[in-house]
Amino acid sequence: MLMEFCVTPGIADIPAGVFNALDGATAAFSCHGRIRQCEADGRWRVRYLRVCDARQLQAVVPLFTPRGR
């Protein structure tokens, strides 16, 4: 199975339903809305590593970097 990896600059590039379907847990970082809140916090630079196969999104890894560094 061929996997494609790409970096996305914002969670808005990933539909909420698709993101939330990746994990059935109710943890804060598996919720599109909570990730958007963290993204809006000016202390962080946020990017997302997306992993897709030929059919669909398989994983999203948030990458947070402090702005002060």
Protein backbone atom coordinates (compact mmCIF):
# COMPACT_ATOMS: atom_id res chain seq x y z
CA MET A 1 0.00 0.00 0.00
CA LEU A 2 1.42 3.35 -1.05
CA MET A 3 1.16 6.08 1.59
CA GLU A 4 1.43 9.79 0.89
CA PHE A 5 2.85 12.15 3.52
CA CYS A 6 2.33 15.91 3.39
CA VAL A 7 2.46 18.90 5.72
CA THR A 8 -0.64 21.05 6.08
CA PRO A 9 -0.45 24.56 7.57
CA GLY A 10 -3.85 24.54 9.27
CA ILE A 11 -6.45 22.17 10.68
CA ALA A 12 -9.05 23.98 8.54
CA ASP A 13 -7.52 22.11 5.57
CA ILE A 14 -8.87 18.87 7.05
CA PRO A 15 -12.67 18.47 7.26
CA ALA A 16 -13.83 18.12 10.89
CA GLY A 17 -15.78 14.91 10.25
CA VAL A 18 -12.80 13.24 8.58
CA PHE A 19 -10.42 14.30 11.37
CA ASN A 20 -12.77 13.27 14.19
CA ALA A 21 -13.38 9.87 12.57
CA LEU A 22 -9.68 8.98 12.90
CA ASP A 23 -10.06 8.29 16.64
CA GLY A 24 -13.17 7.26 18.51
CA ALA A 25 -11.76 8.53 21.82
CA THR A 26 -13.01 11.71 23.42
CA ALA A 27 -9.51 12.99 24.20
CA ALA A 28 -8.90 16.69 23.61
CA PHE A 29 -6.40 16.19 20.80
CA SER A 30 -8.67 13.88 18.86
CA CYS A 31 -11.26 16.66 18.53
CA HIS A 32 -11.08 19.04 15.53
CA GLY A 33 -12.59 21.90 17.56
CA ARG A 34 -10.05 21.59 20.37
CA ILE A 35 -7.18 21.50 17.90
CA ARG A 36 -8.53 24.70 16.32
CA GLN A 37 -8.50 26.36 19.76
CA CYS A 38 -4.85 25.37 20.28
CA GLU A 39 -4.02 26.61 16.80
CA ALA A 40 -5.53 30.01 17.64
CA ASP A 41 -3.25 30.33 20.69
CA GLY A 42 -0.53 32.74 19.55
CA ARG A 43 2.16 30.98 21.56
CA TRP A 44 2.43 28.14 19.04
CA ARG A 45 3.31 27.58 15.41
CA VAL A 46 1.24 24.64 14.30
CA ARG A 47 1.57 22.37 11.29
CA TYR A 48 0.08 18.95 10.63
CA LEU A 49 1.62 15.90 9.08
CA ARG A 50 -1.09 14.14 7.08
CA VAL A 51 -0.86 10.51 6.02
CA CYS A 52 -3.16 9.32 3.24
CA ASP A 53 -3.50 6.15 1.24
CA ALA A 54 -5.19 5.97 -2.15
CA ARG A 55 -8.63 6.05 -0.54
CA GLN A 56 -8.60 8.24 2.55
CA LEU A 57 -6.85 10.06 5.35
CA GLN A 58 -5.18 7.57 7.69
CA ALA A 59 -3.47 9.76 10.31
CA VAL A 60 -2.80 13.34 11.36
CA VAL A 61 0.11 14.32 13.60
CA PRO A 62 -0.03 17.85 15.06
CA LEU A 63 3.40 19.50 15.15
CA PHE A 64 3.59 22.32 17.73
CA THR A 65 6.61 24.62 17.99
CA PRO A 66 6.81 27.44 20.55
CA ARG A 67 6.88 30.87 18.87
CA GLY A 68 9.41 32.17 21.37
CA ARG A 69 12.15 29.90 20.03
